[in-house]
PDB file of N, CA and C in Angstrom:
ATOM      1  N   MET A   1     122.354 145.021  87.883  1.00  0.00           N
ATOM      2  CA  MET A   1     121.650 143.764  87.863  1.00  0.00           C
ATOM      3  C   MET A   1     122.277 142.841  88.909  1.00  0.00           C
ATOM      4  N   ILE A   2     121.449 142.119  89.616  1.00  0.00           N
ATOM      5  CA  ILE A   2     121.921 141.185  90.642  1.00  0.00           C
ATOM      6  C   ILE A   2     122.203 139.844  89.988  1.00  0.00           C
ATOM      7  N   GLU A   3     123.392 139.355  90.249  1.00  0.00           N
ATOM      8  CA  GLU A   3     123.771 138.059  89.687  1.00  0.00           C
ATOM      9  C   GLU A   3     123.624 136.991  90.763  1.00  0.00           C
ATOM     10  N   ILE A   4     122.892 135.956  90.457  1.00  0.00           N
ATOM     11  CA  ILE A   4     122.661 134.872  91.407  1.00  0.00           C
ATOM     12  C   ILE A   4     123.424 133.649  90.933  1.00  0.00           C
ATOM     13  N   SER A   5     124.274 133.145  91.799  1.00  0.00           N
ATOM     14  CA  SER A   5     124.993 131.927  91.448  1.00  0.00           C
ATOM     15  C   SER A   5     124.658 130.857  92.487  1.00  0.00           C
ATOM     16  N   LEU A   6     124.299 129.717  91.999  1.00  0.00           N
ATOM     17  CA  LEU A   6     123.977 128.597  92.877  1.00  0.00           C
ATOM     18  C   LEU A   6     125.208 127.732  93.041  1.00  0.00           C
ATOM     19  N   THR A   7     125.618 127.568  94.262  1.00  0.00           N
ATOM     20  CA  THR A   7     126.749 126.692  94.520  1.00  0.00           C
ATOM     21  C   THR A   7     126.243 125.277  94.741  1.00  0.00           C
ATOM     22  N   ASP A   8     127.157 124.348  94.758  1.00  0.00           N
ATOM     23  CA  ASP A   8     126.773 122.963  95.005  1.00  0.00           C
ATOM     24  C   ASP A   8     126.132 122.812  96.375  1.00  0.00           C
ATOM     25  N   HIS A   9     126.615 123.567  97.350  1.00  0.00           N
ATOM     26  CA  HIS A   9     126.069 123.488  98.697  1.00  0.00           C
ATOM     27  C   HIS A   9     124.625 123.984  98.736  1.00  0.00           C
ATOM     28  N   THR A  10     124.333 125.035  98.004  1.00  0.00           N
ATOM     29  CA  THR A  10     122.974 125.571  97.958  1.00  0.00           C
ATOM     30  C   THR A  10     122.019 124.587  97.327  1.00  0.00           C
ATOM     31  N   VAL A  11     122.435 123.984  96.234  1.00  0.00           N
ATOM     32  CA  VAL A  11     121.591 123.008  95.551  1.00  0.00           C
ATOM     33  C   VAL A  11     121.372 121.783  96.439  1.00  0.00           C
ATOM     34  N   LEU A  12     122.427 121.304  97.095  1.00  0.00           N
ATOM     35  CA  LEU A  12     122.307 120.153  97.981  1.00  0.00           C
ATOM     36  C   LEU A  12     121.384 120.452  99.156  1.00  0.00           C
ATOM     37  N   ALA A  13     121.522 121.627  99.749  1.00  0.00           N
ATOM     38  CA  ALA A  13     120.673 122.003 100.879  1.00  0.00           C
ATOM     39  C   ALA A  13     119.208 122.110 100.457  1.00  0.00           C
ATOM     40  N   SER A  14     118.981 122.646  99.279  1.00  0.00           N
ATOM     41  CA  SER A  14     117.608 122.746  98.782  1.00  0.00           C
ATOM     42  C   SER A  14     117.013 121.374  98.512  1.00  0.00           C
ATOM     43  N   ALA A  15     117.790 120.502  97.913  1.00  0.00           N
ATOM     44  CA  ALA A  15     117.315 119.146  97.638  1.00  0.00           C
ATOM     45  C   ALA A  15     117.045 118.390  98.933  1.00  0.00           C
ATOM     46  N   GLN A  16     117.891 118.583  99.935  1.00  0.00           N
ATOM     47  CA  GLN A  16     117.676 117.928 101.220  1.00  0.00           C
ATOM     48  C   GLN A  16     116.405 118.436 101.889  1.00  0.00           C
ATOM     49  N   ALA A  17     116.162 119.722 101.820  1.00  0.00           N
ATOM     50  CA  ALA A  17     114.962 120.290 102.426  1.00  0.00           C
ATOM     51  C   ALA A  17     113.698 119.770 101.746  1.00  0.00           C
ATOM     52  N   ILE A  18     113.713 119.703 100.437  1.00  0.00           N
ATOM     53  CA  ILE A  18     112.556 119.196  99.701  1.00  0.00           C
ATOM     54  C   ILE A  18     112.337 117.713  99.998  1.00  0.00           C
ATOM     55  N   ALA A  19     113.415 116.933 100.029  1.00  0.00           N
ATOM     56  CA  ALA A  19     113.301 115.499 100.304  1.00  0.00           C
ATOM     57  C   ALA A  19     112.797 115.243 101.722  1.00  0.00           C
ATOM     58  N   MET A  20     113.233 116.033 102.683  1.00  0.00           N
ATOM     59  CA  MET A  20     112.752 115.856 104.062  1.00  0.00           C
ATOM     60  C   MET A  20     111.278 116.207 104.165  1.00  0.00           C
ATOM     61  N   GLY A  21     110.867 117.242 103.453  1.00  0.00           N
ATOM     62  CA  GLY A  21     109.444 117.600 103.459  1.00  0.00           C
ATOM     63  C   GLY A  21     108.577 116.504 102.872  1.00  0.00           C
ATOM     64  N   ILE A  22     109.021 115.949 101.748  1.00  0.00           N
ATOM     65  CA  ILE A  22     108.271 114.864 101.117  1.00  0.00           C
ATOM     66  C   ILE A  22     108.332 113.603 101.978  1.00  0.00           C
ATOM     67  N   GLY A  23     109.502 113.337 102.572  1.00  0.00           N
ATOM     68  CA  GLY A  23     109.665 112.150 103.400  1.00  0.00           C
ATOM     69  C   GLY A  23     108.893 112.200 104.705  1.00  0.00           C
ATOM     70  N   ALA A  24     108.478 113.385 105.138  1.00  0.00           N
ATOM     71  CA  ALA A  24     107.728 113.523 106.383  1.00  0.00           C
ATOM     72  C   ALA A  24     106.220 113.418 106.172  1.00  0.00           C
ATOM     73  N   ILE A  25     105.779 113.467 104.924  1.00  0.00           N
ATOM     74  CA  ILE A  25     104.339 113.413 104.653  1.00  0.00           C
ATOM     75  C   ILE A  25     103.745 112.069 105.055  1.00  0.00           C
ATOM     76  N   GLY A  26     104.383 110.977 104.640  1.00  0.00           N
ATOM     77  CA  GLY A  26     103.863 109.639 104.937  1.00  0.00           C
ATOM     78  C   GLY A  26     103.775 109.342 106.421  1.00  0.00           C
ATOM     79  N   PRO A  27     104.875 109.507 107.170  1.00  0.00           N
ATOM     80  CA  PRO A  27     104.786 109.266 108.606  1.00  0.00           C
ATOM     81  C   PRO A  27     103.806 110.200 109.318  1.00  0.00           C
ATOM     82  N   GLY A  28     103.720 111.434 108.876  1.00  0.00           N
ATOM     83  CA  GLY A  28     102.764 112.359 109.488  1.00  0.00           C
ATOM     84  C   GLY A  28     101.329 111.908 109.293  1.00  0.00           C
ATOM     85  N   LEU A  29     101.021 111.488 108.086  1.00  0.00           N
ATOM     86  CA  LEU A  29      99.676 110.962 107.825  1.00  0.00           C
ATOM     87  C   LEU A  29      99.429 109.669 108.603  1.00  0.00           C
ATOM     88  N   GLY A  30     100.446 108.815 108.671  1.00  0.00           N
ATOM     89  CA  GLY A  30     100.303 107.556 109.395  1.00  0.00           C
ATOM     90  C   GLY A  30     100.029 107.764 110.873  1.00  0.00           C
ATOM     91  N   ILE A  31     100.779 108.654 111.492  1.00  0.00           N
ATOM     92  CA  ILE A  31     100.580 108.934 112.916  1.00  0.00           C
ATOM     93  C   ILE A  31      99.200 109.538 113.149  1.00  0.00           C
ATOM     94  N   GLY A  32      98.788 110.433 112.281  1.00  0.00           N
ATOM     95  CA  GLY A  32      97.459 111.033 112.413  1.00  0.00           C
ATOM     96  C   GLY A  32      96.342 110.014 112.284  1.00  0.00           C
ATOM     97  N   LEU A  33      96.464 109.116 111.312  1.00  0.00           N
ATOM     98  CA  LEU A  33      95.430 108.090 111.134  1.00  0.00           C
ATOM     99  C   LEU A  33      95.405 107.105 112.292  1.00  0.00           C
ATOM    100  N   ILE A  34      96.573 106.725 112.792  1.00  0.00           N
ATOM    101  CA  ILE A  34      96.621 105.802 113.923  1.00  0.00           C
ATOM    102  C   ILE A  34      95.926 106.423 115.135  1.00  0.00           C
ATOM    103  N   GLY A  35      96.270 107.672 115.425  1.00  0.00           N
ATOM    104  CA  GLY A  35      95.650 108.350 116.565  1.00  0.00           C
ATOM    105  C   GLY A  35      94.156 108.542 116.392  1.00  0.00           C
ATOM    106  N   ALA A  36      93.744 108.907 115.185  1.00  0.00           N
ATOM    107  CA  ALA A  36      92.318 109.135 114.938  1.00  0.00           C
ATOM    108  C   ALA A  36      91.511 107.850 115.081  1.00  0.00           C
ATOM    109  N   LYS A  37      92.009 106.777 114.506  1.00  0.00           N
ATOM    110  CA  LYS A  37      91.275 105.517 114.588  1.00  0.00           C
ATOM    111  C   LYS A  37      91.257 104.959 116.009  1.00  0.00           C
ATOM    112  N   ALA A  38      92.357 105.158 116.744  1.00  0.00           N
ATOM    113  CA  ALA A  38      92.381 104.700 118.138  1.00  0.00           C
ATOM    114  C   ALA A  38      91.373 105.487 118.976  1.00  0.00           C
ATOM    115  N   MET A  39      91.319 106.802 118.778  1.00  0.00           N
ATOM    116  CA  MET A  39      90.351 107.604 119.534  1.00  0.00           C
ATOM    117  C   MET A  39      88.922 107.245 119.157  1.00  0.00           C
ATOM    118  N   GLU A  40      88.703 106.943 117.881  1.00  0.00           N
ATOM    119  CA  GLU A  40      87.369 106.526 117.434  1.00  0.00           C
ATOM    120  C   GLU A  40      86.973 105.203 118.087  1.00  0.00           C
ATOM    121  N   ALA A  41      87.916 104.264 118.145  1.00  0.00           N
ATOM    122  CA  ALA A  41      87.630 102.970 118.757  1.00  0.00           C
ATOM    123  C   ALA A  41      87.379 103.109 120.255  1.00  0.00           C
ATOM    124  N   ILE A  42      88.151 103.959 120.913  1.00  0.00           N
ATOM    125  CA  ILE A  42      87.958 104.167 122.348  1.00  0.00           C
ATOM    126  C   ILE A  42      86.627 104.880 122.602  1.00  0.00           C
ATOM    127  N   GLY A  43      86.259 105.793 121.715  1.00  0.00           N
ATOM    128  CA  GLY A  43      84.969 106.469 121.846  1.00  0.00           C
ATOM    129  C   GLY A  43      83.797 105.515 121.699  1.00  0.00           C
ATOM    130  N   ARG A  44      83.930 104.538 120.843  1.00  0.00           N
ATOM    131  CA  ARG A  44      82.853 103.563 120.660  1.00  0.00           C
ATOM    132  C   ARG A  44      82.800 102.547 121.787  1.00  0.00           C
ATOM    133  N   ASN A  45      83.990 102.203 122.311  1.00  0.00           N
ATOM    134  CA  ASN A  45      84.066 101.210 123.374  1.00  0.00           C
ATOM    135  C   ASN A  45      85.124 101.664 124.385  1.00  0.00           C
ATOM    136  N   PRO A  46      84.737 102.436 125.396  1.00  0.00           N
ATOM    137  CA  PRO A  46      85.711 102.987 126.341  1.00  0.00           C
ATOM    138  C   PRO A  46      86.512 101.925 127.099  1.00  0.00           C
ATOM    139  N   GLN A  47      86.001 100.734 127.216  1.00  0.00           N
ATOM    140  CA  GLN A  47      86.723  99.688 127.937  1.00  0.00           C
ATOM    141  C   GLN A  47      87.866  99.105 127.109  1.00  0.00           C
ATOM    142  N   SER A  48      87.979  99.486 125.861  1.00  0.00           N
ATOM    143  CA  SER A  48      89.052  98.972 125.011  1.00  0.00           C
ATOM    144  C   SER A  48      90.340  99.781 125.140  1.00  0.00           C
ATOM    145  N   LEU A  49      90.346 100.760 126.030  1.00  0.00           N
ATOM    146  CA  LEU A  49      91.531 101.614 126.180  1.00  0.00           C
ATOM    147  C   LEU A  49      92.765 100.790 126.521  1.00  0.00           C
ATOM    148  N   GLY A  50      92.645  99.871 127.444  1.00  0.00           N
ATOM    149  CA  GLY A  50      93.795  99.059 127.846  1.00  0.00           C
ATOM    150  C   GLY A  50      94.327  98.188 126.721  1.00  0.00           C
ATOM    151  N   LYS A  51      93.447  97.724 125.850  1.00  0.00           N
ATOM    152  CA  LYS A  51      93.867  96.855 124.745  1.00  0.00           C
ATOM    153  C   LYS A  51      94.420  97.650 123.571  1.00  0.00           C
ATOM    154  N   LEU A  52      94.011  98.886 123.422  1.00  0.00           N
ATOM    155  CA  LEU A  52      94.419  99.680 122.257  1.00  0.00           C
ATOM    156  C   LEU A  52      95.637 100.558 122.494  1.00  0.00           C
ATOM    157  N   PHE A  53      95.912 100.899 123.736  1.00  0.00           N
ATOM    158  CA  PHE A  53      96.933 101.909 123.999  1.00  0.00           C
ATOM    159  C   PHE A  53      98.328 101.474 123.562  1.00  0.00           C
ATOM    160  N   VAL A  54      98.749 100.283 123.946  1.00  0.00           N
ATOM    161  CA  VAL A  54     100.107  99.826 123.619  1.00  0.00           C
ATOM    162  C   VAL A  54     100.281  99.631 122.111  1.00  0.00           C
ATOM    163  N   PRO A  55      99.365  98.956 121.403  1.00  0.00           N
ATOM    164  CA  PRO A  55      99.542  98.863 119.947  1.00  0.00           C
ATOM    165  C   PRO A  55      99.507 100.222 119.251  1.00  0.00           C
ATOM    166  N   MET A  56      98.723 101.154 119.780  1.00  0.00           N
ATOM    167  CA  MET A  56      98.673 102.492 119.194  1.00  0.00           C
ATOM    168  C   MET A  56     100.029 103.180 119.339  1.00  0.00           C
ATOM    169  N   ILE A  57     100.607 103.127 120.519  1.00  0.00           N
ATOM    170  CA  ILE A  57     101.907 103.756 120.755  1.00  0.00           C
ATOM    171  C   ILE A  57     102.986 103.091 119.900  1.00  0.00           C
ATOM    172  N   LEU A  58     102.957 101.755 119.789  1.00  0.00           N
ATOM    173  CA  LEU A  58     103.934 101.054 118.955  1.00  0.00           C
ATOM    174  C   LEU A  58     103.803 101.449 117.485  1.00  0.00           C
ATOM    175  N   GLY A  59     102.580 101.541 116.995  1.00  0.00           N
ATOM    176  CA  GLY A  59     102.362 101.965 115.610  1.00  0.00           C
ATOM    177  C   GLY A  59     102.858 103.368 115.360  1.00  0.00           C
ATOM    178  N   MET A  60     102.607 104.270 116.309  1.00  0.00           N
ATOM    179  CA  MET A  60     103.091 105.639 116.160  1.00  0.00           C
ATOM    180  C   MET A  60     104.618 105.686 116.194  1.00  0.00           C
ATOM    181  N   ALA A  61     105.224 104.887 117.055  1.00  0.00           N
ATOM    182  CA  ALA A  61     106.688 104.873 117.145  1.00  0.00           C
ATOM    183  C   ALA A  61     107.309 104.331 115.863  1.00  0.00           C
ATOM    184  N   LEU A  62     106.707 103.304 115.284  1.00  0.00           N
ATOM    185  CA  LEU A  62     107.238 102.771 114.029  1.00  0.00           C
ATOM    186  C   LEU A  62     107.091 103.767 112.888  1.00  0.00           C
ATOM    187  N   ALA A  63     105.967 104.476 112.844  1.00  0.00           N
ATOM    188  CA  ALA A  63     105.790 105.500 111.809  1.00  0.00           C
ATOM    189  C   ALA A  63     106.781 106.641 112.009  1.00  0.00           C
ATOM    190  N   GLU A  64     107.028 107.018 113.254  1.00  0.00           N
ATOM    191  CA  GLU A  64     107.982 108.083 113.533  1.00  0.00           C
ATOM    192  C   GLU A  64     109.398 107.659 113.185  1.00  0.00           C
ATOM    193  N   SER A  65     109.708 106.376 113.361  1.00  0.00           N
ATOM    194  CA  SER A  65     111.058 105.908 113.041  1.00  0.00           C
ATOM    195  C   SER A  65     111.352 106.033 111.548  1.00  0.00           C
ATOM    196  N   ILE A  66     110.339 105.935 110.722  1.00  0.00           N
ATOM    197  CA  ILE A  66     110.531 106.132 109.283  1.00  0.00           C
ATOM    198  C   ILE A  66     110.951 107.574 109.005  1.00  0.00           C
ATOM    199  N   ALA A  67     110.315 108.522 109.679  1.00  0.00           N
ATOM    200  CA  ALA A  67     110.683 109.929 109.493  1.00  0.00           C
ATOM    201  C   ALA A  67     112.105 110.186 109.984  1.00  0.00           C
ATOM    202  N   ILE A  68     112.481 109.573 111.090  1.00  0.00           N
ATOM    203  CA  ILE A  68     113.845 109.743 111.605  1.00  0.00           C
ATOM    204  C   ILE A  68     114.845 109.116 110.645  1.00  0.00           C
ATOM    205  N   TYR A  69     114.501 107.963 110.078  1.00  0.00           N
ATOM    206  CA  TYR A  69     115.370 107.307 109.102  1.00  0.00           C
ATOM    207  C   TYR A  69     115.564 108.201 107.878  1.00  0.00           C
ATOM    208  N   VAL A  70     114.513 108.819 107.399  1.00  0.00           N
ATOM    209  CA  VAL A  70     114.610 109.733 106.256  1.00  0.00           C
ATOM    210  C   VAL A  70     115.531 110.901 106.599  1.00  0.00           C
ATOM    211  N   MET A  71     115.380 111.442 107.786  1.00  0.00           N
ATOM    212  CA  MET A  71     116.210 112.574 108.190  1.00  0.00           C
ATOM    213  C   MET A  71     117.694 112.173 108.262  1.00  0.00           C
ATOM    214  N   VAL A  72     117.980 111.007 108.815  1.00  0.00           N
ATOM    215  CA  VAL A  72     119.380 110.550 108.921  1.00  0.00           C
ATOM    216  C   VAL A  72     119.988 110.357 107.541  1.00  0.00           C
ATOM    217  N   ILE A  73     119.254 109.725 106.649  1.00  0.00           N
ATOM    218  CA  ILE A  73     119.760 109.491 105.296  1.00  0.00           C
ATOM    219  C   ILE A  73     119.994 110.801 104.558  1.00  0.00           C
ATOM    220  N   ILE A  74     119.082 111.747 104.715  1.00  0.00           N
ATOM    221  CA  ILE A  74     119.228 113.034 104.019  1.00  0.00           C
ATOM    222  C   ILE A  74     120.408 113.822 104.576  1.00  0.00           C
ATOM    223  N   LEU A  75     120.551 113.874 105.886  1.00  0.00           N
ATOM    224  CA  LEU A  75     121.629 114.662 106.463  1.00  0.00           C
ATOM    225  C   LEU A  75     122.995 113.998 106.282  1.00  0.00           C
ATOM    226  N   LYS A  76     123.007 112.710 106.042  1.00  0.00           N
ATOM    227  CA  LYS A  76     124.262 112.004 105.791  1.00  0.00           C
ATOM    228  C   LYS A  76     124.830 112.370 104.416  1.00  0.00           C
ATOM    229  N   GLY A  77     123.928 112.584 103.443  1.00  0.00           N
ATOM    230  CA  GLY A  77     124.345 112.847 102.078  1.00  0.00           C
ATOM    231  C   GLY A  77     124.855 114.217 101.909  1.00  0.00           C
TER     232      GLY A  77
END
């Protein structure tokens, strides 16, 4: 019979992996929605590209920073 023993390191690594997966869902959805809505707006009004591009990039960067923050906090623990 194979005996499986979970060490503290294994449990911590598993918890970190699960937390990073859950923590990446929100920013991933946010970036997708920002990009989709920006493309929809540009498709409806192509001249709005100049007005939408910078706020779109800023919104994506802020959403991505949340994912990076989650990763830093998880890997620190």
